[in-house]
């Protein structure tokens, strides 16, 4: 698994380098530095705060579901899970690594796999609903900024997000589908002649029963779902507003916050379904196209760098540090546990 994530990280870095080479190869670097040095840093700090609030909202939603399911988890731990999910979603294609690694770290903290899976599925479902609904409404006001390629990418993005949403809803609430998924997993294990297959089968079915009981409990507490959905709307409005604070940092005021926010929501929906790690490349290119009339040619590239820097690259770095810290802590704890076990065996 470590080799797989290392390969993804190398691919992620290569795509970043290629993207910025293409964007900046014809630019005067001194001019770029001069433009960036003249921005109002107060607005950049607001943008960074918005990104922190975005992650805090995710932590609140994760913690809310876990608490409803009877799991003990602090806000500090939930922030850790949000950052871990952010990092692994960023460096894996189609954000495929985020939820599995969150479940892994939750399990290390003694949280049931069934309950952690359900909490993350509900959170992801809420995100898909919010992404699609805001984007479709926003497109009505920003159609003029879309060229033919972006329109097709938007349709593709909405289709992929809607497909993911449908599968997520089935996963959360359909007993027949979840049973079918478990049976597929068991057949795969049997095909590869995995050892102790019966034990693993029993464990999977026990987790499934617990998962379905938890899903039934959640369905009977619709207020929790509504609170999660409301928090997610707030979360994404905060996230989309980052583009506005970056816009203000250049001293510009021609567009209001709703206009910039709606453009950013269309951009996010357009690129979020693209199976590139962190949507690197398509996000930068999409920004340059959608915001081409918002910024002058002298500011456009710099605005893109700042917007992606705050909303993505900065927090990839922060979350990677968090992952490394907890990896070291886990190794030390595992070594201590192994040493204690070894001494106990010797006695």
Protein backbone atom coordinates (compact mmCIF):
# COMPACT_ATOMS: atom_id res chain seq x y z
CA UNK A 1 0.00 0.00 0.00
CA UNK A 2 2.90 2.36 0.81
CA UNK A 3 4.43 1.76 -2.65
CA UNK A 4 1.08 2.51 -4.27
CA UNK A 5 0.73 5.85 -2.46
CA UNK A 6 4.38 6.70 -3.20
CA UNK A 7 3.74 6.13 -6.92
CA UNK A 8 0.63 8.31 -6.73
CA UNK A 9 2.58 11.03 -4.93
CA UNK A 10 5.33 11.00 -7.59
CA UNK A 11 2.68 11.17 -10.36
CA UNK A 12 0.96 14.02 -8.49
CA UNK A 13 4.21 16.02 -8.28
CA UNK A 14 5.03 15.40 -11.95
CA UNK A 15 1.57 16.63 -13.03
CA UNK A 16 2.02 19.76 -10.89
CA UNK A 17 5.43 20.48 -12.43
CA UNK A 18 4.10 19.94 -15.96
CA UNK A 19 1.05 22.13 -15.30
CA UNK A 20 3.06 25.05 -13.96
CA UNK A 21 5.64 24.70 -16.72
CA UNK A 22 2.91 25.00 -19.37
CA UNK A 23 1.28 27.97 -17.60
CA UNK A 24 4.45 29.90 -16.74
CA UNK A 25 6.83 29.03 -19.62
CA UNK A 26 5.94 32.20 -21.57
CA UNK A 27 5.63 34.42 -18.49
CA UNK A 28 8.10 36.96 -17.16
CA UNK A 29 8.86 35.57 -13.69
CA UNK A 30 9.92 39.01 -12.42
CA UNK A 31 6.54 40.40 -13.44
CA UNK A 32 4.76 37.52 -11.70
CA UNK A 33 6.75 38.18 -8.51
CA UNK A 34 6.03 41.93 -8.70
CA UNK A 35 2.28 41.36 -9.09
CA UNK A 36 2.17 38.85 -6.22
CA UNK A 37 4.21 41.14 -3.96
CA UNK A 38 1.69 43.96 -4.42
CA UNK A 39 -1.39 42.06 -3.20
CA UNK A 40 -3.20 42.86 0.06
CA UNK A 41 -2.19 40.06 2.41
CA UNK A 42 -5.14 40.70 4.73
CA UNK A 43 -7.48 39.15 2.17
CA UNK A 44 -5.16 36.19 1.68
CA UNK A 45 -5.27 35.57 5.43
CA UNK A 46 -9.09 35.64 5.25
CA UNK A 47 -8.90 33.12 2.39
CA UNK A 48 -6.64 30.84 4.46
CA UNK A 49 -9.06 31.15 7.39
CA UNK A 50 -11.91 30.13 5.05
CA UNK A 51 -9.98 27.00 4.09
CA UNK A 52 -9.51 26.21 7.79
CA UNK A 53 -13.26 26.66 8.35
CA UNK A 54 -13.97 24.39 5.37
CA UNK A 55 -11.99 21.57 6.99
CA UNK A 56 -13.54 22.36 10.39
CA UNK A 57 -17.02 21.91 8.90
CA UNK A 58 -16.03 18.49 7.59
CA UNK A 59 -14.71 17.58 11.04
CA UNK A 60 -18.01 18.71 12.60
CA UNK A 61 -20.02 16.53 10.21
CA UNK A 62 -17.82 13.48 10.78
CA UNK A 63 -18.01 13.94 14.55
CA UNK A 64 -21.76 14.51 14.47
CA UNK A 65 -22.44 11.19 12.75
CA UNK A 66 -19.95 9.25 14.88
CA UNK A 67 -21.54 10.66 18.04
CA UNK A 68 -25.01 9.68 16.80
CA UNK A 69 -23.70 6.14 16.25
CA UNK A 70 -22.33 5.97 19.80
CA UNK A 71 -18.64 6.40 18.92
CA UNK A 72 -16.34 8.57 21.03
CA UNK A 73 -14.29 11.05 19.02
CA UNK A 74 -12.96 14.51 19.88
CA UNK A 75 -12.97 17.56 17.59
CA UNK A 76 -9.17 17.33 17.51
CA UNK A 77 -9.35 13.77 16.17
CA UNK A 78 -12.03 14.72 13.64
CA UNK A 79 -9.78 17.51 12.31
CA UNK A 80 -7.05 14.90 11.97
CA UNK A 81 -9.40 12.68 9.94
CA UNK A 82 -10.40 15.63 7.72
CA UNK A 83 -6.75 16.51 6.98
CA UNK A 84 -5.82 12.88 6.33
CA UNK A 85 -8.76 12.58 3.92
CA UNK A 86 -7.77 15.83 2.21
CA UNK A 87 -4.18 14.68 1.65
CA UNK A 88 -4.91 11.18 0.33
CA UNK A 89 -7.81 12.42 -1.80
CA UNK A 90 -5.45 14.99 -3.32
CA UNK A 91 -2.69 12.57 -4.33
CA UNK A 92 -4.82 9.68 -5.63
CA UNK A 93 -6.80 9.50 -8.91
CA UNK A 94 -10.49 10.41 -8.52
CA UNK A 95 -9.83 11.08 -4.80
CA UNK A 96 -9.98 7.31 -4.29
CA UNK A 97 -7.55 7.14 -1.38
CA UNK A 98 -9.15 9.61 1.01
CA UNK A 99 -11.95 7.59 2.62
CA UNK A 100 -10.01 4.27 2.93
CA UNK A 101 -7.19 6.03 4.79
CA UNK A 102 -9.65 7.88 7.03
CA UNK A 103 -11.27 4.54 7.90
CA UNK A 104 -7.81 3.09 8.61
CA UNK A 105 -6.89 5.87 11.04
CA UNK A 106 -10.33 5.80 12.68
CA UNK A 107 -9.91 2.06 13.21
CA UNK A 108 -6.55 2.78 14.87
CA UNK A 109 -8.50 5.03 17.25
CA UNK A 110 -10.89 2.15 18.10
CA UNK A 111 -13.77 3.37 15.94
CA UNK A 112 -15.83 0.61 14.32
CA UNK A 113 -15.19 0.13 10.60
CA UNK A 114 -18.94 -0.09 10.00
CA UNK A 115 -19.63 3.21 11.77
CA UNK A 116 -16.64 5.07 10.28
CA UNK A 117 -17.63 3.88 6.80
CA UNK A 118 -21.22 5.04 7.28
CA UNK A 119 -20.11 8.42 8.69
CA UNK A 120 -17.85 9.06 5.70
CA UNK A 121 -20.42 7.86 3.16
CA UNK A 122 -23.04 10.21 4.61
CA UNK A 123 -20.53 13.08 4.58
CA UNK A 124 -19.54 12.33 0.97
CA UNK A 125 -23.18 12.01 -0.11
CA UNK A 126 -23.92 15.41 1.41
CA UNK A 127 -20.95 16.92 -0.43
CA UNK A 128 -22.15 15.51 -3.76
CA UNK A 129 -25.67 16.90 -3.25
CA UNK A 130 -24.30 20.35 -2.42
CA UNK A 131 -21.76 20.37 -5.27
CA UNK A 132 -24.37 19.45 -7.89
CA UNK A 133 -27.18 21.70 -6.64
CA UNK A 134 -25.07 24.87 -6.25
CA UNK A 135 -23.33 24.31 -9.61
CA UNK A 136 -26.53 23.83 -11.61
CA UNK A 137 -28.07 27.00 -10.17
CA UNK A 138 -24.81 28.93 -10.67
CA UNK A 139 -24.44 27.83 -14.30
CA UNK A 140 -27.59 29.74 -15.20
CA UNK A 141 -25.78 32.98 -14.25
CA UNK A 142 -22.38 32.09 -15.72
CA UNK A 143 -23.17 30.37 -19.01
CA UNK A 144 -21.54 33.20 -20.97
CA UNK A 145 -18.14 32.42 -19.42
CA UNK A 146 -18.16 28.81 -20.65
CA UNK A 147 -16.66 27.78 -23.97
CA UNK A 148 -17.69 24.55 -25.71
CA UNK A 149 -14.94 22.49 -24.04
CA UNK A 150 -15.90 23.73 -20.57
CA UNK A 151 -19.58 23.06 -21.23
CA UNK A 152 -18.80 19.46 -22.15
CA UNK A 153 -16.50 19.12 -19.15
CA UNK A 154 -19.26 20.56 -16.95
CA UNK A 155 -21.76 18.03 -18.29
CA UNK A 156 -19.21 15.26 -17.73
CA UNK A 157 -18.47 16.53 -14.21
CA UNK A 158 -22.15 16.69 -13.27
CA UNK A 159 -22.75 13.23 -14.77
CA UNK A 160 -19.84 11.69 -12.83
CA UNK A 161 -20.87 13.44 -9.59
CA UNK A 162 -24.51 12.38 -10.08
CA UNK A 163 -23.42 8.77 -10.73
CA UNK A 164 -21.28 8.83 -7.58
CA UNK A 165 -24.20 10.32 -5.64
CA UNK A 166 -26.55 7.55 -6.81
CA UNK A 167 -24.06 4.84 -5.78
CA UNK A 168 -23.51 6.52 -2.42
CA UNK A 169 -27.23 6.69 -1.65
CA UNK A 170 -27.59 3.01 -2.57
CA UNK A 171 -24.56 2.16 -0.42
CA UNK A 172 -25.99 3.97 2.60
CA UNK A 173 -29.59 2.86 2.41
CA UNK A 174 -29.92 -0.28 0.26
CA UNK A 175 -29.55 -3.54 2.21
CA UNK A 176 -29.70 -5.62 -0.98
CA UNK A 177 -26.90 -3.65 -2.64
CA UNK A 178 -24.59 -3.74 0.39
CA UNK A 179 -25.19 -7.51 0.67
CA UNK A 180 -24.28 -7.83 -2.99
CA UNK A 181 -21.07 -5.84 -2.50
CA UNK A 182 -20.03 -8.05 0.41
CA UNK A 183 -20.68 -11.19 -1.67
CA UNK A 184 -18.51 -9.78 -4.47
CA UNK A 185 -15.70 -9.10 -1.98
CA UNK A 186 -15.97 -12.66 -0.63
CA UNK A 187 -15.84 -14.14 -4.16
CA UNK A 188 -12.74 -12.09 -4.94
CA UNK A 189 -11.09 -13.35 -1.73
CA UNK A 190 -12.01 -16.94 -2.67
CA UNK A 191 -10.66 -16.47 -6.21
CA UNK A 192 -7.29 -15.36 -4.85
CA UNK A 193 -7.38 -18.21 -2.31
CA UNK A 194 -6.96 -15.90 0.67
CA UNK A 195 -6.20 -17.72 3.91
CA UNK A 196 -8.77 -17.96 6.72
CA UNK A 197 -11.53 -17.08 4.27
CA UNK A 198 -14.29 -18.23 6.64
CA UNK A 199 -13.04 -15.96 9.43
CA UNK A 200 -12.88 -13.04 7.04
CA UNK A 201 -16.34 -13.86 5.70
CA UNK A 202 -17.79 -13.88 9.23
CA UNK A 203 -16.04 -10.62 10.06
CA UNK A 204 -17.36 -8.95 6.89
CA UNK A 205 -20.90 -10.13 7.60
CA UNK A 206 -20.71 -8.95 11.20
CA UNK A 207 -19.52 -5.54 10.01
CA UNK A 208 -22.31 -5.52 7.42
CA UNK A 209 -24.96 -6.27 10.06
CA UNK A 210 -23.60 -3.48 12.24
CA UNK A 211 -23.44 -1.14 9.24
CA UNK A 212 -27.06 -1.85 8.29
CA UNK A 213 -28.22 -1.37 11.89
CA UNK A 214 -26.41 1.97 11.96
CA UNK A 215 -27.89 3.00 8.60
CA UNK A 216 -31.37 2.14 9.88
CA UNK A 217 -30.72 4.26 12.97
CA UNK A 218 -29.58 7.20 10.83
CA UNK A 219 -32.71 6.91 8.63
CA UNK A 220 -34.85 7.19 11.73
CA UNK A 221 -33.00 10.38 12.75
CA UNK A 222 -33.63 12.60 9.73
CA UNK A 223 -32.73 15.75 11.70
CA UNK A 224 -29.11 14.57 11.74
CA UNK A 225 -29.10 14.32 7.93
CA UNK A 226 -30.58 17.81 7.62
CA UNK A 227 -27.98 19.26 10.00
CA UNK A 228 -25.18 17.60 8.05
CA UNK A 229 -26.60 18.93 4.78
CA UNK A 230 -26.94 22.47 6.17
CA UNK A 231 -23.37 22.39 7.51
CA UNK A 232 -22.14 21.17 4.11
CA UNK A 233 -23.86 24.07 2.32
CA UNK A 234 -22.13 26.48 4.72
CA UNK A 235 -18.87 24.58 4.22
CA UNK A 236 -18.96 24.92 0.42
CA UNK A 237 -20.09 28.55 0.41
CA UNK A 238 -17.07 29.27 2.62
CA UNK A 239 -14.81 27.24 0.30
CA UNK A 240 -16.09 28.93 -2.86
CA UNK A 241 -15.66 32.36 -1.23
CA UNK A 242 -11.87 31.84 -1.22
CA UNK A 243 -11.89 32.90 -4.89
CA UNK A 244 -13.58 36.20 -3.87
CA UNK A 245 -11.02 37.03 -1.15
CA UNK A 246 -8.20 36.33 -3.61
CA UNK A 247 -9.99 38.64 -6.08
CA UNK A 248 -10.18 41.38 -3.41
CA UNK A 249 -6.49 40.99 -2.60
CA UNK A 250 -5.71 42.48 -6.04
CA UNK A 251 -7.72 45.60 -5.14
CA UNK A 252 -10.57 44.65 -7.50
CA UNK A 253 -14.24 45.30 -6.69
CA UNK A 254 -16.15 45.11 -10.02
CA UNK A 255 -17.70 41.73 -9.17
CA UNK A 256 -19.56 40.97 -5.95
CA UNK A 257 -19.07 37.91 -3.76
CA UNK A 258 -22.08 36.03 -5.18
CA UNK A 259 -20.82 36.42 -8.75
CA UNK A 260 -17.32 35.15 -7.92
CA UNK A 261 -18.69 32.42 -5.67
CA UNK A 262 -21.02 31.13 -8.40
CA UNK A 263 -18.19 31.06 -10.97
CA UNK A 264 -16.03 29.07 -8.56
CA UNK A 265 -18.86 26.59 -7.90
CA UNK A 266 -19.22 25.96 -11.64
CA UNK A 267 -15.45 25.47 -11.92
CA UNK A 268 -15.43 23.01 -8.99
CA UNK A 269 -18.28 20.92 -10.40
CA UNK A 270 -16.62 20.92 -13.82
CA UNK A 271 -13.26 19.58 -12.62
CA UNK A 272 -14.18 17.54 -9.52
CA UNK A 273 -15.23 14.50 -11.54
CA UNK A 274 -12.01 14.39 -13.59
CA UNK A 275 -9.92 11.40 -12.42
CA UNK A 276 -6.69 13.36 -12.10
CA UNK A 277 -4.99 13.51 -8.66
CA UNK A 278 -6.33 16.66 -7.04
CA UNK A 279 -7.80 17.68 -10.42
CA UNK A 280 -4.34 19.17 -11.07
CA UNK A 281 -4.06 20.69 -14.53
CA UNK A 282 -7.78 20.84 -15.27
CA UNK A 283 -8.44 23.10 -12.25
CA UNK A 284 -5.74 25.54 -13.29
CA UNK A 285 -6.84 25.52 -16.94
CA UNK A 286 -10.51 25.83 -16.00
CA UNK A 287 -9.78 28.82 -13.75
CA UNK A 288 -7.93 30.62 -16.54
CA UNK A 289 -10.90 30.12 -18.87
CA UNK A 290 -13.81 30.88 -16.50
CA UNK A 291 -12.14 33.90 -14.84
CA UNK A 292 -10.63 35.33 -18.05
CA UNK A 293 -13.06 38.30 -18.01
CA UNK A 294 -12.75 38.88 -14.26
CA UNK A 295 -9.00 39.59 -14.26
CA UNK A 296 -6.82 41.48 -16.70
CA UNK A 297 -4.25 39.50 -18.68
CA UNK A 298 -1.56 40.89 -16.37
CA UNK A 299 -3.25 39.41 -13.29
CA UNK A 300 -4.94 36.22 -14.48
CA UNK A 301 -2.09 33.75 -14.03
CA UNK A 302 -1.13 35.26 -10.68
CA UNK A 303 -4.75 35.04 -9.50
CA UNK A 304 -4.87 31.38 -10.46
CA UNK A 305 -1.62 30.70 -8.58
CA UNK A 306 -2.95 32.38 -5.46
CA UNK A 307 -6.37 30.78 -5.62
CA UNK A 308 -5.01 27.25 -6.04
CA UNK A 309 -2.18 27.97 -3.64
CA UNK A 310 -4.58 28.81 -0.80
CA UNK A 311 -7.41 26.38 -1.57
CA UNK A 312 -5.24 23.39 -2.47
CA UNK A 313 -1.44 23.37 -2.47
CA UNK A 314 -0.92 25.01 0.94
CA UNK A 315 -3.20 22.49 2.64
CA UNK A 316 -1.71 19.56 0.73
CA UNK A 317 1.59 20.53 2.39
CA UNK A 318 -0.03 20.99 5.83
CA UNK A 319 -1.97 17.73 5.62
CA UNK A 320 1.13 15.83 4.41
CA UNK A 321 2.98 16.99 7.54
CA UNK A 322 0.06 15.78 9.69
CA UNK A 323 0.11 12.39 7.95
CA UNK A 324 3.88 12.05 8.48
CA UNK A 325 3.57 12.98 12.17
CA UNK A 326 0.87 10.39 12.80
CA UNK A 327 2.75 7.77 10.79
CA UNK A 328 5.78 8.27 13.07
CA UNK A 329 3.55 8.17 16.17
CA UNK A 330 1.87 4.97 14.97
CA UNK A 331 5.24 3.31 14.33
CA UNK A 332 6.47 4.23 17.81
CA UNK A 333 3.28 2.95 19.43
CA UNK A 334 3.46 -0.27 17.42
CA UNK A 335 7.12 -0.76 18.39
CA UNK A 336 6.29 -0.17 22.08
CA UNK A 337 3.40 -2.64 21.87
CA UNK A 338 5.61 -5.25 20.16
CA UNK A 339 8.35 -4.78 22.78
CA UNK A 340 5.86 -5.22 25.63
CA UNK A 341 4.47 -8.35 23.97
CA UNK A 342 7.97 -9.73 23.49
CA UNK A 343 8.87 -9.14 27.16
CA UNK A 344 5.61 -10.75 28.23
CA UNK A 345 6.37 -13.85 26.13
CA UNK A 346 9.86 -14.09 27.62
CA UNK A 347 8.45 -13.97 31.14
